[in-house]
């Protein structure tokens, strides 16, 4: 199920903050799968590992450090620019234009931001394919975050300070519940975006983030409809 937005919870929102991957575009687009494969390839070539061992290493780094890149920087002092360029060298054609999403984002009152653990180029390429790039005031990427990924508190503090965001006047949309912990603590209204028709796999969402259910105010499997419902009730 998707819980419908309470208009009173969004009436005061002046800053709208969106994660990118699997949030602004639907999970079934599977764009991140391409990035995932390139990260495995990167580790395989870096450490001269077979693909299966490289993938195990990739997932272990992600779990320990928050992102694979952060782990590789800490352990192997990789060049982050080289890593970002190689893993985002992907085919963006699976991302379909979404005029309805664009119209909903454009109609939101106030500022709109993309806040991603990816880099700016990846965000721009994806948002351009969606037809929504021009509706955002800025993109806060992993470089702007000082290469410190969500869910680190310092990363949100940097974003908030840079854009003078007041937590209680903001809403954040994410596909990972753990990335909503700090926004919730800052007073933001939090929305978890899950795959379409997610009910059979909803338990898996909380299995990934078992300690963060209380950090989520709303859950939706249709971002466009969710935003449209907010606008219809304002």
Protein backbone atom coordinates (compact mmCIF):
# COMPACT_ATOMS: atom_id res chain seq x y z
CA UNK A 1 0.00 0.00 0.00
CA UNK A 2 0.96 3.64 -0.32
CA UNK A 3 -0.07 6.03 2.42
CA UNK A 4 -1.63 9.20 1.05
CA UNK A 5 -0.04 12.52 1.97
CA UNK A 6 -1.63 14.64 4.65
CA UNK A 7 -1.78 18.14 3.09
CA UNK A 8 -1.15 19.74 6.47
CA UNK A 9 2.24 17.99 6.65
CA UNK A 10 3.36 19.64 3.42
CA UNK A 11 1.58 23.01 3.50
CA UNK A 12 4.61 24.67 5.09
CA UNK A 13 7.26 23.01 2.89
CA UNK A 14 9.43 25.44 0.96
CA UNK A 15 12.39 23.14 0.17
CA UNK A 16 11.91 19.86 -1.67
CA UNK A 17 14.87 17.49 -1.57
CA UNK A 18 15.07 14.43 -3.80
CA UNK A 19 17.50 11.56 -3.97
CA UNK A 20 18.25 10.53 -7.55
CA UNK A 21 18.69 6.81 -8.21
CA UNK A 22 15.53 4.73 -7.76
CA UNK A 23 13.74 7.84 -6.47
CA UNK A 24 13.30 10.31 -9.33
CA UNK A 25 13.18 7.46 -11.81
CA UNK A 26 11.36 4.18 -11.08
CA UNK A 27 13.22 1.21 -9.68
CA UNK A 28 12.28 -0.99 -12.64
CA UNK A 29 14.34 1.23 -14.95
CA UNK A 30 17.26 -0.65 -13.38
CA UNK A 31 19.75 2.05 -14.28
CA UNK A 32 21.78 1.39 -11.15
CA UNK A 33 22.37 -2.18 -12.29
CA UNK A 34 24.72 -0.83 -14.95
CA UNK A 35 26.61 1.22 -12.35
CA UNK A 36 26.75 -1.81 -10.09
CA UNK A 37 28.40 -3.92 -12.79
CA UNK A 38 30.94 -1.20 -13.52
CA UNK A 39 31.88 -0.95 -9.86
CA UNK A 40 32.50 -4.69 -9.80
CA UNK A 41 34.62 -4.39 -12.95
CA UNK A 42 36.57 -1.49 -11.44
CA UNK A 43 37.46 -3.53 -8.34
CA UNK A 44 38.27 -6.57 -10.43
CA UNK A 45 40.77 -4.59 -12.49
CA UNK A 46 42.15 -2.63 -9.53
CA UNK A 47 42.85 -5.66 -7.37
CA UNK A 48 43.21 -8.32 -10.09
CA UNK A 49 40.31 -10.31 -8.71
CA UNK A 50 37.86 -12.60 -10.48
CA UNK A 51 34.42 -11.06 -10.91
CA UNK A 52 32.77 -13.05 -8.13
CA UNK A 53 35.40 -12.07 -5.57
CA UNK A 54 35.32 -8.46 -6.75
CA UNK A 55 31.56 -8.37 -6.24
CA UNK A 56 31.86 -9.72 -2.71
CA UNK A 57 34.48 -7.07 -1.99
CA UNK A 58 32.23 -4.38 -3.49
CA UNK A 59 29.28 -5.28 -1.27
CA UNK A 60 31.48 -5.51 1.82
CA UNK A 61 32.89 -2.04 1.16
CA UNK A 62 29.40 -0.64 0.62
CA UNK A 63 28.17 -2.12 3.87
CA UNK A 64 31.15 -0.87 5.89
CA UNK A 65 31.69 2.57 4.39
CA UNK A 66 28.31 3.62 2.99
CA UNK A 67 29.50 3.66 -0.61
CA UNK A 68 31.89 1.47 -2.56
CA UNK A 69 33.90 4.53 -3.56
CA UNK A 70 34.40 5.64 0.04
CA UNK A 71 35.69 2.19 0.93
CA UNK A 72 38.09 2.11 -2.01
CA UNK A 73 39.38 5.57 -1.09
CA UNK A 74 39.95 4.54 2.52
CA UNK A 75 41.60 1.21 1.77
CA UNK A 76 43.31 1.74 -1.58
CA UNK A 77 43.59 5.53 -2.04
CA UNK A 78 41.87 5.47 -5.42
CA UNK A 79 41.30 8.62 -7.48
CA UNK A 80 37.59 9.41 -6.89
CA UNK A 81 37.28 11.35 -10.16
CA UNK A 82 38.52 8.34 -12.12
CA UNK A 83 36.13 6.04 -10.25
CA UNK A 84 33.11 8.29 -10.80
CA UNK A 85 33.88 8.73 -14.49
CA UNK A 86 34.23 5.00 -15.10
CA UNK A 87 31.23 3.74 -13.12
CA UNK A 88 28.89 6.37 -14.61
CA UNK A 89 29.91 5.63 -18.19
CA UNK A 90 26.55 3.97 -18.83
CA UNK A 91 23.66 3.85 -21.28
CA UNK A 92 20.96 6.30 -20.15
CA UNK A 93 18.43 5.29 -22.79
CA UNK A 94 16.37 3.13 -20.36
CA UNK A 95 15.38 6.35 -18.55
CA UNK A 96 12.12 7.51 -20.11
CA UNK A 97 10.89 11.08 -20.21
CA UNK A 98 8.25 11.80 -17.58
CA UNK A 99 6.29 14.97 -18.41
CA UNK A 100 3.85 14.29 -15.57
CA UNK A 101 6.65 14.13 -13.01
CA UNK A 102 8.19 17.25 -14.48
CA UNK A 103 4.92 19.14 -14.21
CA UNK A 104 4.44 18.04 -10.60
CA UNK A 105 7.97 19.07 -9.58
CA UNK A 106 7.66 22.40 -11.40
CA UNK A 107 4.41 23.14 -9.56
CA UNK A 108 5.87 22.54 -6.09
CA UNK A 109 6.14 25.88 -4.27
CA UNK A 110 9.67 26.79 -3.27
CA UNK A 111 13.08 25.40 -4.08
CA UNK A 112 13.90 21.94 -5.39
CA UNK A 113 17.17 20.06 -4.97
CA UNK A 114 18.71 16.77 -6.07
CA UNK A 115 20.79 15.32 -3.22
CA UNK A 116 22.74 12.30 -4.46
CA UNK A 117 25.66 10.06 -3.57
CA UNK A 118 26.44 10.04 -7.29
CA UNK A 119 28.18 12.83 -9.14
CA UNK A 120 26.71 15.91 -10.81
CA UNK A 121 27.21 14.65 -14.36
CA UNK A 122 25.30 11.46 -13.62
CA UNK A 123 22.50 13.45 -12.02
CA UNK A 124 22.34 15.87 -14.93
CA UNK A 125 22.31 13.08 -17.52
CA UNK A 126 19.52 11.26 -15.69
CA UNK A 127 17.39 14.32 -14.97
CA UNK A 128 17.80 15.51 -18.54
CA UNK A 129 16.49 12.17 -19.84
CA UNK A 130 13.53 12.46 -17.45
CA UNK A 131 12.87 15.99 -18.73
CA UNK A 132 13.07 17.48 -15.24
CA UNK A 133 16.58 18.97 -15.03
CA UNK A 134 15.48 22.58 -15.47
CA UNK A 135 13.07 22.35 -12.53
CA UNK A 136 15.85 22.06 -9.93
CA UNK A 137 17.64 24.89 -8.20
CA UNK A 138 20.78 22.87 -7.59
CA UNK A 139 22.34 19.42 -7.48
CA UNK A 140 24.18 18.49 -4.29
CA UNK A 141 26.43 15.61 -5.29
CA UNK A 142 29.13 13.48 -3.69
CA UNK A 143 31.80 16.04 -4.63
CA UNK A 144 29.88 18.88 -2.96
CA UNK A 145 29.61 16.60 0.07
CA UNK A 146 33.39 16.38 0.30
CA UNK A 147 33.19 12.75 -0.90
CA UNK A 148 31.39 11.88 2.35
CA UNK A 149 28.24 9.96 1.41
CA UNK A 150 24.78 9.80 2.92
CA UNK A 151 23.80 8.76 5.57
CA UNK A 152 26.68 10.59 7.33
CA UNK A 153 25.36 13.46 9.46
CA UNK A 154 28.14 15.77 8.26
CA UNK A 155 26.92 15.45 4.68
CA UNK A 156 23.43 16.67 5.55
CA UNK A 157 24.89 19.45 7.67
CA UNK A 158 26.94 20.61 4.69
CA UNK A 159 23.89 20.58 2.44
CA UNK A 160 21.71 22.43 4.96
CA UNK A 161 24.37 25.08 5.58
CA UNK A 162 25.12 25.58 1.89
CA UNK A 163 21.48 26.23 0.97
CA UNK A 164 20.17 27.66 4.25
CA UNK A 165 17.61 24.87 4.53
CA UNK A 166 15.47 24.90 7.67
CA UNK A 167 14.58 21.30 8.48
CA UNK A 168 10.94 21.78 9.51
CA UNK A 169 10.32 23.63 6.23
CA UNK A 170 11.73 20.82 4.09
CA UNK A 171 10.66 17.44 2.76
CA UNK A 172 13.03 14.70 1.63
CA UNK A 173 12.34 11.82 -0.75
CA UNK A 174 14.61 8.76 -0.65
CA UNK A 175 14.63 5.09 -1.63
CA UNK A 176 16.70 4.06 1.42
CA UNK A 177 15.18 4.44 4.86
CA UNK A 178 18.57 4.80 6.54
CA UNK A 179 19.18 7.93 4.47
CA UNK A 180 16.09 9.49 6.06
CA UNK A 181 17.32 9.17 9.65
CA UNK A 182 19.18 12.49 9.72
CA UNK A 183 16.52 14.39 7.74
CA UNK A 184 13.92 13.17 10.24
CA UNK A 185 16.12 14.31 13.13
CA UNK A 186 16.46 17.71 11.44
CA UNK A 187 12.68 18.05 11.39
CA UNK A 188 12.10 17.30 7.72
CA UNK A 189 9.01 15.47 6.50
CA UNK A 190 10.33 12.18 5.10
CA UNK A 191 9.04 10.08 2.22
CA UNK A 192 10.35 6.63 1.30
CA UNK A 193 10.01 5.80 -2.40
CA UNK A 194 9.73 2.07 -3.03
CA UNK A 195 9.37 -0.02 -6.23
CA UNK A 196 6.03 -0.05 -8.04
CA UNK A 197 3.62 -2.67 -6.69
CA UNK A 198 6.02 -3.18 -3.80
CA UNK A 199 3.76 -5.04 -1.40
CA UNK A 200 5.22 -8.53 -2.01
CA UNK A 201 8.73 -7.20 -1.36
CA UNK A 202 7.92 -4.52 1.21
CA UNK A 203 9.33 -6.65 4.01
CA UNK A 204 12.65 -6.59 2.17
CA UNK A 205 12.71 -2.80 2.40
CA UNK A 206 12.63 -2.96 6.18
CA UNK A 207 15.00 -5.94 6.25
CA UNK A 208 17.58 -3.65 4.63
CA UNK A 209 16.93 -0.92 7.20
CA UNK A 210 15.31 -2.63 10.20
CA UNK A 211 16.12 0.20 12.58
CA UNK A 212 14.76 3.06 10.49
CA UNK A 213 11.04 2.44 10.13
CA UNK A 214 10.37 5.29 12.56
CA UNK A 215 12.35 7.67 10.35
CA UNK A 216 9.76 7.38 7.56
CA UNK A 217 6.63 9.55 7.60
CA UNK A 218 5.21 8.37 4.27
CA UNK A 219 5.77 5.54 1.82
CA UNK A 220 4.93 5.69 -1.88
CA UNK A 221 5.49 3.51 -4.91
CA UNK A 222 4.43 6.32 -7.27
CA UNK A 223 6.28 9.59 -6.80
CA UNK A 224 4.32 11.46 -9.46
CA UNK A 225 0.95 10.57 -7.95
CA UNK A 226 2.21 11.40 -4.46
CA UNK A 227 3.35 14.87 -5.51
CA UNK A 228 0.16 15.44 -7.49
CA UNK A 229 -1.90 14.56 -4.40
CA UNK A 230 0.01 17.15 -2.39
CA UNK A 231 -0.59 19.80 -5.02
CA UNK A 232 -4.28 18.96 -5.37
CA UNK A 233 -4.82 19.56 -1.67
CA UNK A 234 -2.84 22.77 -1.27
